[in-house]
């Protein structure tokens, strides 16, 4: 859902598959404090999970 949402709005993003890269799992935990996905970074704000309202607010800022 997050990829579709961002793509439909023309927002560039980098997708990182943590299941294919174990080193990225540690980075995910360091950034978000958990293993939940997706983790979306908008500038310095970290959004865990697909929270459309939170994402809209972060992108509008």
PDB file of N, CA and C in Angstrom:
ATOM      1  N   UNK A   1       0.804  -1.187   0.000  1.00  0.00           N
ATOM      2  CA  UNK A   1       0.000   0.000   0.000  1.00  0.00           C
ATOM      3  C   UNK A   1       0.856   1.265   0.000  1.00  0.00           C
ATOM      4  N   UNK A   2       1.921   1.265   0.784  1.00  0.00           N
ATOM      5  CA  UNK A   2       2.770   2.451   0.875  1.00  0.00           C
ATOM      6  C   UNK A   2       3.429   2.743  -0.471  1.00  0.00           C
ATOM      7  N   UNK A   3       3.936   1.710  -1.138  1.00  0.00           N
ATOM      8  CA  UNK A   3       4.585   1.920  -2.441  1.00  0.00           C
ATOM      9  C   UNK A   3       3.597   2.483  -3.445  1.00  0.00           C
ATOM     10  N   UNK A   4       2.402   1.940  -3.475  1.00  0.00           N
ATOM     11  CA  UNK A   4       1.378   2.412  -4.405  1.00  0.00           C
ATOM     12  C   UNK A   4       1.018   3.865  -4.094  1.00  0.00           C
ATOM     13  N   UNK A   5       0.818   4.167  -2.827  1.00  0.00           N
ATOM     14  CA  UNK A   5       0.476   5.510  -2.387  1.00  0.00           C
ATOM     15  C   UNK A   5       1.532   6.518  -2.856  1.00  0.00           C
ATOM     16  N   UNK A   6       2.793   6.216  -2.586  1.00  0.00           N
ATOM     17  CA  UNK A   6       3.871   7.125  -2.958  1.00  0.00           C
ATOM     18  C   UNK A   6       4.010   7.239  -4.476  1.00  0.00           C
ATOM     19  N   UNK A   7       3.916   6.134  -5.174  1.00  0.00           N
ATOM     20  CA  UNK A   7       4.033   6.140  -6.638  1.00  0.00           C
ATOM     21  C   UNK A   7       2.924   6.959  -7.280  1.00  0.00           C
ATOM     22  N   UNK A   8       1.700   6.777  -6.808  1.00  0.00           N
ATOM     23  CA  UNK A   8       0.564   7.516  -7.370  1.00  0.00           C
ATOM     24  C   UNK A   8       0.715   9.023  -7.177  1.00  0.00           C
ATOM     25  N   UNK A   9       1.449   9.429  -6.175  1.00  0.00           N
ATOM     26  CA  UNK A   9       1.656  10.843  -5.902  1.00  0.00           C
ATOM     27  C   UNK A   9       2.956  11.373  -6.508  1.00  0.00           C
ATOM     28  N   UNK A  10       3.659  10.512  -7.238  1.00  0.00           N
ATOM     29  CA  UNK A  10       4.888  10.924  -7.896  1.00  0.00           C
ATOM     30  C   UNK A  10       6.034  11.201  -6.935  1.00  0.00           C
ATOM     31  N   UNK A  11       6.003  10.558  -5.783  1.00  0.00           N
ATOM     32  CA  UNK A  11       7.033  10.770  -4.774  1.00  0.00           C
ATOM     33  C   UNK A  11       8.093   9.674  -4.926  1.00  0.00           C
ATOM     34  N   UNK A  12       9.335  10.114  -5.118  1.00  0.00           N
ATOM     35  CA  UNK A  12      10.426   9.153  -5.250  1.00  0.00           C
ATOM     36  C   UNK A  12      10.734   8.530  -3.894  1.00  0.00           C
ATOM     37  N   UNK A  13      11.079   7.249  -3.917  1.00  0.00           N
ATOM     38  CA  UNK A  13      11.423   6.560  -2.682  1.00  0.00           C
ATOM     39  C   UNK A  13      12.394   5.436  -2.988  1.00  0.00           C
ATOM     40  N   UNK A  14      13.086   5.012  -1.957  1.00  0.00           N
ATOM     41  CA  UNK A  14      13.992   3.877  -2.077  1.00  0.00           C
ATOM     42  C   UNK A  14      13.381   2.716  -1.306  1.00  0.00           C
ATOM     43  N   UNK A  15      13.190   1.606  -1.979  1.00  0.00           N
ATOM     44  CA  UNK A  15      12.670   0.409  -1.328  1.00  0.00           C
ATOM     45  C   UNK A  15      13.846  -0.470  -0.921  1.00  0.00           C
ATOM     46  N   UNK A  16      13.855  -0.877   0.339  1.00  0.00           N
ATOM     47  CA  UNK A  16      14.899  -1.764   0.850  1.00  0.00           C
ATOM     48  C   UNK A  16      14.216  -3.013   1.379  1.00  0.00           C
ATOM     49  N   UNK A  17      14.533  -4.144   0.790  1.00  0.00           N
ATOM     50  CA  UNK A  17      13.958  -5.427   1.208  1.00  0.00           C
ATOM     51  C   UNK A  17      14.827  -6.005   2.319  1.00  0.00           C
ATOM     52  N   UNK A  18      14.379  -5.855   3.560  1.00  0.00           N
ATOM     53  CA  UNK A  18      15.181  -6.326   4.690  1.00  0.00           C
ATOM     54  C   UNK A  18      15.263  -7.840   4.746  1.00  0.00           C
ATOM     55  N   UNK A  19      14.350  -8.539   4.081  1.00  0.00           N
ATOM     56  CA  UNK A  19      14.437 -10.002   4.065  1.00  0.00           C
ATOM     57  C   UNK A  19      15.569 -10.474   3.166  1.00  0.00           C
ATOM     58  N   UNK A  20      15.975  -9.650   2.218  1.00  0.00           N
ATOM     59  CA  UNK A  20      17.049 -10.017   1.298  1.00  0.00           C
ATOM     60  C   UNK A  20      18.409  -9.500   1.754  1.00  0.00           C
ATOM     61  N   UNK A  21      18.423  -8.633   2.763  1.00  0.00           N
ATOM     62  CA  UNK A  21      19.674  -8.038   3.197  1.00  0.00           C
ATOM     63  C   UNK A  21      19.702  -7.953   4.729  1.00  0.00           C
ATOM     64  N   UNK A  22      20.264  -8.968   5.382  1.00  0.00           N
ATOM     65  CA  UNK A  22      20.282  -8.999   6.855  1.00  0.00           C
ATOM     66  C   UNK A  22      20.936  -7.777   7.499  1.00  0.00           C
ATOM     67  N   UNK A  23      21.900  -7.156   6.838  1.00  0.00           N
ATOM     68  CA  UNK A  23      22.532  -5.963   7.398  1.00  0.00           C
ATOM     69  C   UNK A  23      21.530  -4.822   7.544  1.00  0.00           C
ATOM     70  N   UNK A  24      20.556  -4.783   6.665  1.00  0.00           N
ATOM     71  CA  UNK A  24      19.553  -3.727   6.714  1.00  0.00           C
ATOM     72  C   UNK A  24      18.564  -3.918   7.857  1.00  0.00           C
ATOM     73  N   UNK A  25      18.443  -5.151   8.361  1.00  0.00           N
ATOM     74  CA  UNK A  25      17.553  -5.398   9.498  1.00  0.00           C
ATOM     75  C   UNK A  25      18.055  -4.601  10.707  1.00  0.00           C
ATOM     76  N   UNK A  26      19.341  -4.638  10.964  1.00  0.00           N
ATOM     77  CA  UNK A  26      19.910  -3.884  12.082  1.00  0.00           C
ATOM     78  C   UNK A  26      19.687  -2.392  11.889  1.00  0.00           C
ATOM     79  N   UNK A  27      19.855  -1.916  10.684  1.00  0.00           N
ATOM     80  CA  UNK A  27      19.624  -0.496  10.390  1.00  0.00           C
ATOM     81  C   UNK A  27      18.160  -0.135  10.657  1.00  0.00           C
ATOM     82  N   UNK A  28      17.248  -1.018  10.272  1.00  0.00           N
ATOM     83  CA  UNK A  28      15.816  -0.800  10.501  1.00  0.00           C
ATOM     84  C   UNK A  28      15.537  -0.644  11.991  1.00  0.00           C
ATOM     85  N   UNK A  29      16.106  -1.524  12.803  1.00  0.00           N
ATOM     86  CA  UNK A  29      15.900  -1.471  14.254  1.00  0.00           C
ATOM     87  C   UNK A  29      16.504  -0.186  14.828  1.00  0.00           C
ATOM     88  N   UNK A  30      17.669   0.203  14.346  1.00  0.00           N
ATOM     89  CA  UNK A  30      18.306   1.423  14.845  1.00  0.00           C
ATOM     90  C   UNK A  30      17.466   2.658  14.531  1.00  0.00           C
ATOM     91  N   UNK A  31      16.864   2.696  13.352  1.00  0.00           N
ATOM     92  CA  UNK A  31      16.080   3.857  12.921  1.00  0.00           C
ATOM     93  C   UNK A  31      14.706   3.896  13.582  1.00  0.00           C
ATOM     94  N   UNK A  32      14.059   2.735  13.655  1.00  0.00           N
ATOM     95  CA  UNK A  32      12.664   2.715  14.104  1.00  0.00           C
ATOM     96  C   UNK A  32      12.462   2.172  15.519  1.00  0.00           C
ATOM     97  N   UNK A  33      13.448   1.439  16.026  1.00  0.00           N
ATOM     98  CA  UNK A  33      13.295   0.841  17.336  1.00  0.00           C
ATOM     99  C   UNK A  33      12.500  -0.454  17.323  1.00  0.00           C
ATOM    100  N   UNK A  34      12.190  -0.972  16.153  1.00  0.00           N
ATOM    101  CA  UNK A  34      11.423  -2.217  16.049  1.00  0.00           C
ATOM    102  C   UNK A  34      11.650  -2.867  14.698  1.00  0.00           C
ATOM    103  N   UNK A  35      11.000  -4.016  14.493  1.00  0.00           N
ATOM    104  CA  UNK A  35      11.142  -4.754  13.237  1.00  0.00           C
ATOM    105  C   UNK A  35       9.963  -4.566  12.296  1.00  0.00           C
ATOM    106  N   UNK A  36       8.985  -3.764  12.669  1.00  0.00           N
ATOM    107  CA  UNK A  36       7.806  -3.564  11.826  1.00  0.00           C
ATOM    108  C   UNK A  36       8.136  -2.856  10.528  1.00  0.00           C
ATOM    109  N   UNK A  37       7.432  -3.211   9.492  1.00  0.00           N
ATOM    110  CA  UNK A  37       7.579  -2.569   8.198  1.00  0.00           C
ATOM    111  C   UNK A  37       6.201  -2.189   7.689  1.00  0.00           C
ATOM    112  N   UNK A  38       6.064  -1.210   6.841  1.00  0.00           N
ATOM    113  CA  UNK A  38       7.138  -0.371   6.316  1.00  0.00           C
ATOM    114  C   UNK A  38       7.586   0.672   7.331  1.00  0.00           C
ATOM    115  N   UNK A  39       8.793   1.131   7.129  1.00  0.00           N
ATOM    116  CA  UNK A  39       9.317   2.279   7.859  1.00  0.00           C
ATOM    117  C   UNK A  39       9.578   3.335   6.798  1.00  0.00           C
ATOM    118  N   UNK A  40       8.928   4.473   6.957  1.00  0.00           N
ATOM    119  CA  UNK A  40       9.022   5.540   5.967  1.00  0.00           C
ATOM    120  C   UNK A  40       9.659   6.749   6.632  1.00  0.00           C
ATOM    121  N   UNK A  41      10.748   7.228   6.048  1.00  0.00           N
ATOM    122  CA  UNK A  41      11.422   8.425   6.562  1.00  0.00           C
ATOM    123  C   UNK A  41      11.071   9.595   5.654  1.00  0.00           C
ATOM    124  N   UNK A  42      10.509  10.637   6.254  1.00  0.00           N
ATOM    125  CA  UNK A  42      10.225  11.880   5.546  1.00  0.00           C
ATOM    126  C   UNK A  42      11.053  12.940   6.256  1.00  0.00           C
ATOM    127  N   UNK A  43      12.112  13.355   5.587  1.00  0.00           N
ATOM    128  CA  UNK A  43      13.098  14.228   6.212  1.00  0.00           C
ATOM    129  C   UNK A  43      13.589  13.544   7.490  1.00  0.00           C
ATOM    130  N   UNK A  44      13.419  14.147   8.643  1.00  0.00           N
ATOM    131  CA  UNK A  44      13.886  13.542   9.896  1.00  0.00           C
ATOM    132  C   UNK A  44      12.786  12.798  10.633  1.00  0.00           C
ATOM    133  N   UNK A  45      11.597  12.736  10.056  1.00  0.00           N
ATOM    134  CA  UNK A  45      10.470  12.071  10.705  1.00  0.00           C
ATOM    135  C   UNK A  45      10.384  10.612  10.260  1.00  0.00           C
ATOM    136  N   UNK A  46      10.226   9.711  11.214  1.00  0.00           N
ATOM    137  CA  UNK A  46      10.111   8.284  10.943  1.00  0.00           C
ATOM    138  C   UNK A  46       8.663   7.870  11.161  1.00  0.00           C
ATOM    139  N   UNK A  47       8.074   7.256  10.144  1.00  0.00           N
ATOM    140  CA  UNK A  47       6.699   6.779  10.216  1.00  0.00           C
ATOM    141  C   UNK A  47       6.741   5.263  10.127  1.00  0.00           C
ATOM    142  N   UNK A  48       6.195   4.605  11.136  1.00  0.00           N
ATOM    143  CA  UNK A  48       6.205   3.148  11.183  1.00  0.00           C
ATOM    144  C   UNK A  48       4.833   2.655  10.778  1.00  0.00           C
ATOM    145  N   UNK A  49       4.808   1.789   9.782  1.00  0.00           N
ATOM    146  CA  UNK A  49       3.541   1.300   9.250  1.00  0.00           C
ATOM    147  C   UNK A  49       2.987   2.276   8.228  1.00  0.00           C
ATOM    148  N   UNK A  50       1.933   1.867   7.546  1.00  0.00           N
ATOM    149  CA  UNK A  50       1.318   2.747   6.554  1.00  0.00           C
ATOM    150  C   UNK A  50       0.197   3.520   7.238  1.00  0.00           C
ATOM    151  N   UNK A  51       0.524   4.728   7.649  1.00  0.00           N
ATOM    152  CA  UNK A  51      -0.412   5.626   8.304  1.00  0.00           C
ATOM    153  C   UNK A  51      -0.631   6.803   7.355  1.00  0.00           C
ATOM    154  N   UNK A  52      -1.672   6.710   6.542  1.00  0.00           N
ATOM    155  CA  UNK A  52      -1.919   7.697   5.485  1.00  0.00           C
ATOM    156  C   UNK A  52      -2.006   9.123   6.033  1.00  0.00           C
ATOM    157  N   UNK A  53      -2.709   9.313   7.139  1.00  0.00           N
ATOM    158  CA  UNK A  53      -2.870  10.652   7.704  1.00  0.00           C
ATOM    159  C   UNK A  53      -1.529  11.214   8.156  1.00  0.00           C
ATOM    160  N   UNK A  54      -0.762  10.405   8.867  1.00  0.00           N
ATOM    161  CA  UNK A  54       0.562  10.833   9.336  1.00  0.00           C
ATOM    162  C   UNK A  54       1.466  11.131   8.145  1.00  0.00           C
ATOM    163  N   UNK A  55       1.410  10.290   7.136  1.00  0.00           N
ATOM    164  CA  UNK A  55       2.227  10.464   5.946  1.00  0.00           C
ATOM    165  C   UNK A  55       1.828  11.738   5.194  1.00  0.00           C
ATOM    166  N   UNK A  56       0.525  11.961   5.030  1.00  0.00           N
ATOM    167  CA  UNK A  56       0.046  13.197   4.386  1.00  0.00           C
ATOM    168  C   UNK A  56       0.560  14.431   5.114  1.00  0.00           C
ATOM    169  N   UNK A  57       0.471  14.406   6.448  1.00  0.00           N
ATOM    170  CA  UNK A  57       0.937  15.543   7.238  1.00  0.00           C
ATOM    171  C   UNK A  57       2.436  15.757   7.078  1.00  0.00           C
ATOM    172  N   UNK A  58       3.205  14.687   7.107  1.00  0.00           N
ATOM    173  CA  UNK A  58       4.669  14.798   6.984  1.00  0.00           C
ATOM    174  C   UNK A  58       5.064  15.302   5.607  1.00  0.00           C
ATOM    175  N   UNK A  59       4.372  14.860   4.577  1.00  0.00           N
ATOM    176  CA  UNK A  59       4.693  15.269   3.211  1.00  0.00           C
ATOM    177  C   UNK A  59       4.273  16.716   2.942  1.00  0.00           C
ATOM    178  N   UNK A  60       3.264  17.189   3.645  1.00  0.00           N
ATOM    179  CA  UNK A  60       2.769  18.551   3.449  1.00  0.00           C
ATOM    180  C   UNK A  60       3.666  19.581   4.126  1.00  0.00           C
ATOM    181  N   UNK A  61       4.432  19.142   5.100  1.00  0.00           N
ATOM    182  CA  UNK A  61       5.273  20.078   5.862  1.00  0.00           C
ATOM    183  C   UNK A  61       6.447  20.560   5.055  1.00  0.00           C
TER     184      UNK A  61
END
